[in-house]
């Protein structure tokens, strides 16, 4: 049985506006990356336990 994990999140290379109200900050990017690492580590653990 194959398992696939797709984790997609935008990381802007400048402080350009995302929309009319929001703008990425360094903290936002760090949280997104941290969340993605949790998802990937969980996927790896689940893959190894099968």
PDB file of N, CA and C in Angstrom:
ATOM      1  N   UNK A   1       0.843  -1.180   0.000  1.00  0.00           N
ATOM      2  CA  UNK A   1       0.000   0.000   0.000  1.00  0.00           C
ATOM      3  C   UNK A   1       0.886   1.240   0.000  1.00  0.00           C
ATOM      4  N   UNK A   2       0.618   2.153  -0.927  1.00  0.00           N
ATOM      5  CA  UNK A   2       1.429   3.361  -1.019  1.00  0.00           C
ATOM      6  C   UNK A   2       0.738   4.525  -0.325  1.00  0.00           C
ATOM      7  N   UNK A   3       1.530   5.362   0.302  1.00  0.00           N
ATOM      8  CA  UNK A   3       0.985   6.558   0.952  1.00  0.00           C
ATOM      9  C   UNK A   3       1.661   7.781   0.361  1.00  0.00           C
ATOM     10  N   UNK A   4       0.872   8.786   0.080  1.00  0.00           N
ATOM     11  CA  UNK A   4       1.428  10.034  -0.458  1.00  0.00           C
ATOM     12  C   UNK A   4       0.957  11.189   0.406  1.00  0.00           C
ATOM     13  N   UNK A   5       1.877  12.050   0.712  1.00  0.00           N
ATOM     14  CA  UNK A   5       1.536  13.243   1.484  1.00  0.00           C
ATOM     15  C   UNK A   5       1.897  14.446   0.640  1.00  0.00           C
ATOM     16  N   UNK A   6       0.928  15.293   0.432  1.00  0.00           N
ATOM     17  CA  UNK A   6       1.174  16.511  -0.335  1.00  0.00           C
ATOM     18  C   UNK A   6       1.008  17.680   0.607  1.00  0.00           C
ATOM     19  N   UNK A   7       2.045  18.438   0.739  1.00  0.00           N
ATOM     20  CA  UNK A   7       1.984  19.609   1.606  1.00  0.00           C
ATOM     21  C   UNK A   7       2.434  20.804   0.788  1.00  0.00           C
ATOM     22  N   UNK A   8       1.558  21.721   0.590  1.00  0.00           N
ATOM     23  CA  UNK A   8       1.867  22.873  -0.247  1.00  0.00           C
ATOM     24  C   UNK A   8       1.631  24.142   0.547  1.00  0.00           C
ATOM     25  N   UNK A   9       2.618  24.991   0.572  1.00  0.00           N
ATOM     26  CA  UNK A   9       2.430  26.274   1.222  1.00  0.00           C
ATOM     27  C   UNK A   9       3.283  27.305   0.508  1.00  0.00           C
ATOM     28  N   UNK A  10       2.762  28.501   0.305  1.00  0.00           N
ATOM     29  CA  UNK A  10       3.515  29.529  -0.407  1.00  0.00           C
ATOM     30  C   UNK A  10       4.545  30.193   0.496  1.00  0.00           C
ATOM     31  N   UNK A  11       5.740  30.391  -0.020  1.00  0.00           N
ATOM     32  CA  UNK A  11       6.750  31.158   0.694  1.00  0.00           C
ATOM     33  C   UNK A  11       7.173  32.300  -0.228  1.00  0.00           C
ATOM     34  N   UNK A  12       6.754  33.506   0.076  1.00  0.00           N
ATOM     35  CA  UNK A  12       7.128  34.626  -0.776  1.00  0.00           C
ATOM     36  C   UNK A  12       8.603  34.977  -0.599  1.00  0.00           C
ATOM     37  N   UNK A  13       9.220  35.484  -1.646  1.00  0.00           N
ATOM     38  CA  UNK A  13      10.619  35.865  -1.579  1.00  0.00           C
ATOM     39  C   UNK A  13      10.785  37.350  -1.314  1.00  0.00           C
ATOM     40  N   UNK A  14       9.681  38.044  -1.159  1.00  0.00           N
ATOM     41  CA  UNK A  14       9.717  39.450  -0.779  1.00  0.00           C
ATOM     42  C   UNK A  14       8.512  39.716   0.103  1.00  0.00           C
ATOM     43  N   UNK A  15       8.420  40.901   0.612  1.00  0.00           N
ATOM     44  CA  UNK A  15       7.286  41.235   1.473  1.00  0.00           C
ATOM     45  C   UNK A  15       6.132  41.793   0.650  1.00  0.00           C
ATOM     46  N   UNK A  16       5.855  41.187  -0.472  1.00  0.00           N
ATOM     47  CA  UNK A  16       4.745  41.640  -1.310  1.00  0.00           C
ATOM     48  C   UNK A  16       3.413  41.284  -0.660  1.00  0.00           C
ATOM     49  N   UNK A  17       2.384  41.987  -1.009  1.00  0.00           N
ATOM     50  CA  UNK A  17       1.058  41.749  -0.433  1.00  0.00           C
ATOM     51  C   UNK A  17       0.478  40.442  -0.964  1.00  0.00           C
ATOM     52  N   UNK A  18      -0.133  39.659  -0.071  1.00  0.00           N
ATOM     53  CA  UNK A  18      -0.819  38.443  -0.487  1.00  0.00           C
ATOM     54  C   UNK A  18      -2.213  38.769  -0.994  1.00  0.00           C
ATOM     55  N   UNK A  19      -2.874  39.688  -0.319  1.00  0.00           N
ATOM     56  CA  UNK A  19      -4.167  40.181  -0.771  1.00  0.00           C
ATOM     57  C   UNK A  19      -4.331  41.594  -0.228  1.00  0.00           C
ATOM     58  N   UNK A  20      -5.523  42.093  -0.191  1.00  0.00           N
ATOM     59  CA  UNK A  20      -5.715  43.480   0.223  1.00  0.00           C
ATOM     60  C   UNK A  20      -5.329  43.740   1.678  1.00  0.00           C
ATOM     61  N   UNK A  21      -5.457  42.723   2.530  1.00  0.00           N
ATOM     62  CA  UNK A  21      -5.267  42.945   3.966  1.00  0.00           C
ATOM     63  C   UNK A  21      -4.028  42.288   4.548  1.00  0.00           C
ATOM     64  N   UNK A  22      -3.653  41.114   4.050  1.00  0.00           N
ATOM     65  CA  UNK A  22      -2.632  40.312   4.725  1.00  0.00           C
ATOM     66  C   UNK A  22      -1.270  40.432   4.061  1.00  0.00           C
ATOM     67  N   UNK A  23      -0.250  40.297   4.875  1.00  0.00           N
ATOM     68  CA  UNK A  23       1.124  40.290   4.382  1.00  0.00           C
ATOM     69  C   UNK A  23       1.894  39.247   5.183  1.00  0.00           C
ATOM     70  N   UNK A  24       2.718  38.459   4.490  1.00  0.00           N
ATOM     71  CA  UNK A  24       3.524  37.462   5.188  1.00  0.00           C
ATOM     72  C   UNK A  24       4.571  38.161   6.033  1.00  0.00           C
ATOM     73  N   UNK A  25       4.773  37.657   7.228  1.00  0.00           N
ATOM     74  CA  UNK A  25       5.880  38.110   8.064  1.00  0.00           C
ATOM     75  C   UNK A  25       6.832  36.931   8.238  1.00  0.00           C
ATOM     76  N   UNK A  26       7.989  37.199   8.800  1.00  0.00           N
ATOM     77  CA  UNK A  26       8.940  36.110   9.041  1.00  0.00           C
ATOM     78  C   UNK A  26       8.327  35.070   9.981  1.00  0.00           C
ATOM     79  N   UNK A  27       7.575  35.526  10.975  1.00  0.00           N
ATOM     80  CA  UNK A  27       6.921  34.596  11.898  1.00  0.00           C
ATOM     81  C   UNK A  27       5.921  33.699  11.195  1.00  0.00           C
ATOM     82  N   UNK A  28       5.158  34.283  10.244  1.00  0.00           N
ATOM     83  CA  UNK A  28       4.203  33.482   9.466  1.00  0.00           C
ATOM     84  C   UNK A  28       4.928  32.382   8.704  1.00  0.00           C
ATOM     85  N   UNK A  29       6.027  32.756   8.058  1.00  0.00           N
ATOM     86  CA  UNK A  29       6.774  31.771   7.269  1.00  0.00           C
ATOM     87  C   UNK A  29       7.344  30.678   8.165  1.00  0.00           C
ATOM     88  N   UNK A  30       7.858  31.070   9.329  1.00  0.00           N
ATOM     89  CA  UNK A  30       8.403  30.075  10.261  1.00  0.00           C
ATOM     90  C   UNK A  30       7.322  29.103  10.723  1.00  0.00           C
ATOM     91  N   UNK A  31       6.118  29.611  11.008  1.00  0.00           N
ATOM     92  CA  UNK A  31       5.018  28.735  11.435  1.00  0.00           C
ATOM     93  C   UNK A  31       4.608  27.787  10.320  1.00  0.00           C
ATOM     94  N   UNK A  32       4.532  28.292   9.084  1.00  0.00           N
ATOM     95  CA  UNK A  32       4.154  27.431   7.958  1.00  0.00           C
ATOM     96  C   UNK A  32       5.176  26.315   7.773  1.00  0.00           C
ATOM     97  N   UNK A  33       6.457  26.665   7.830  1.00  0.00           N
ATOM     98  CA  UNK A  33       7.514  25.669   7.656  1.00  0.00           C
ATOM     99  C   UNK A  33       7.475  24.661   8.804  1.00  0.00           C
ATOM    100  N   UNK A  34       7.278  25.149  10.024  1.00  0.00           N
ATOM    101  CA  UNK A  34       7.197  24.255  11.178  1.00  0.00           C
ATOM    102  C   UNK A  34       6.021  23.288  11.043  1.00  0.00           C
ATOM    103  N   UNK A  35       4.867  23.804  10.622  1.00  0.00           N
ATOM    104  CA  UNK A  35       3.694  22.946  10.422  1.00  0.00           C
ATOM    105  C   UNK A  35       3.966  21.882   9.361  1.00  0.00           C
ATOM    106  N   UNK A  36       4.642  22.276   8.285  1.00  0.00           N
ATOM    107  CA  UNK A  36       4.947  21.321   7.215  1.00  0.00           C
ATOM    108  C   UNK A  36       5.891  20.232   7.717  1.00  0.00           C
ATOM    109  N   UNK A  37       6.870  20.604   8.533  1.00  0.00           N
ATOM    110  CA  UNK A  37       7.800  19.610   9.068  1.00  0.00           C
ATOM    111  C   UNK A  37       7.083  18.605   9.961  1.00  0.00           C
ATOM    112  N   UNK A  38       6.094  19.063  10.721  1.00  0.00           N
ATOM    113  CA  UNK A  38       5.309  18.151  11.556  1.00  0.00           C
ATOM    114  C   UNK A  38       4.555  17.164  10.674  1.00  0.00           C
ATOM    115  N   UNK A  39       3.946  17.661   9.596  1.00  0.00           N
ATOM    116  CA  UNK A  39       3.204  16.793   8.678  1.00  0.00           C
ATOM    117  C   UNK A  39       4.132  15.745   8.073  1.00  0.00           C
ATOM    118  N   UNK A  40       5.299  16.176   7.598  1.00  0.00           N
ATOM    119  CA  UNK A  40       6.233  15.239   6.979  1.00  0.00           C
ATOM    120  C   UNK A  40       6.765  14.225   7.984  1.00  0.00           C
ATOM    121  N   UNK A  41       7.078  14.663   9.201  1.00  0.00           N
ATOM    122  CA  UNK A  41       7.596  13.712  10.188  1.00  0.00           C
ATOM    123  C   UNK A  41       6.525  12.695  10.574  1.00  0.00           C
ATOM    124  N   UNK A  42       5.266  13.134  10.671  1.00  0.00           N
ATOM    125  CA  UNK A  42       4.172  12.189  10.938  1.00  0.00           C
ATOM    126  C   UNK A  42       4.024  11.188   9.799  1.00  0.00           C
ATOM    127  N   UNK A  43       4.139  11.668   8.566  1.00  0.00           N
ATOM    128  CA  UNK A  43       4.012  10.779   7.409  1.00  0.00           C
ATOM    129  C   UNK A  43       5.136   9.748   7.393  1.00  0.00           C
ATOM    130  N   UNK A  44       6.337  10.169   7.707  1.00  0.00           N
ATOM    131  CA  UNK A  44       7.477   9.247   7.740  1.00  0.00           C
ATOM    132  C   UNK A  44       7.273   8.205   8.836  1.00  0.00           C
ATOM    133  N   UNK A  45       6.813   8.650  10.016  1.00  0.00           N
ATOM    134  CA  UNK A  45       6.556   7.715  11.115  1.00  0.00           C
ATOM    135  C   UNK A  45       5.494   6.694  10.727  1.00  0.00           C
ATOM    136  N   UNK A  46       4.413   7.152  10.114  1.00  0.00           N
ATOM    137  CA  UNK A  46       3.343   6.247   9.695  1.00  0.00           C
ATOM    138  C   UNK A  46       3.845   5.268   8.641  1.00  0.00           C
ATOM    139  N   UNK A  47       4.688   5.741   7.729  1.00  0.00           N
ATOM    140  CA  UNK A  47       5.247   4.874   6.687  1.00  0.00           C
ATOM    141  C   UNK A  47       6.102   3.773   7.310  1.00  0.00           C
ATOM    142  N   UNK A  48       6.911   4.145   8.303  1.00  0.00           N
ATOM    143  CA  UNK A  48       7.796   3.165   8.945  1.00  0.00           C
ATOM    144  C   UNK A  48       7.028   2.154   9.785  1.00  0.00           C
ATOM    145  N   UNK A  49       5.884   2.565  10.335  1.00  0.00           N
ATOM    146  CA  UNK A  49       5.109   1.681  11.216  1.00  0.00           C
ATOM    147  C   UNK A  49       4.214   0.704  10.466  1.00  0.00           C
ATOM    148  N   UNK A  50       4.066   0.873   9.175  1.00  0.00           N
ATOM    149  CA  UNK A  50       3.123   0.008   8.442  1.00  0.00           C
ATOM    150  C   UNK A  50       3.639  -1.394   8.276  1.00  0.00           C
TER     151      UNK A  50
END
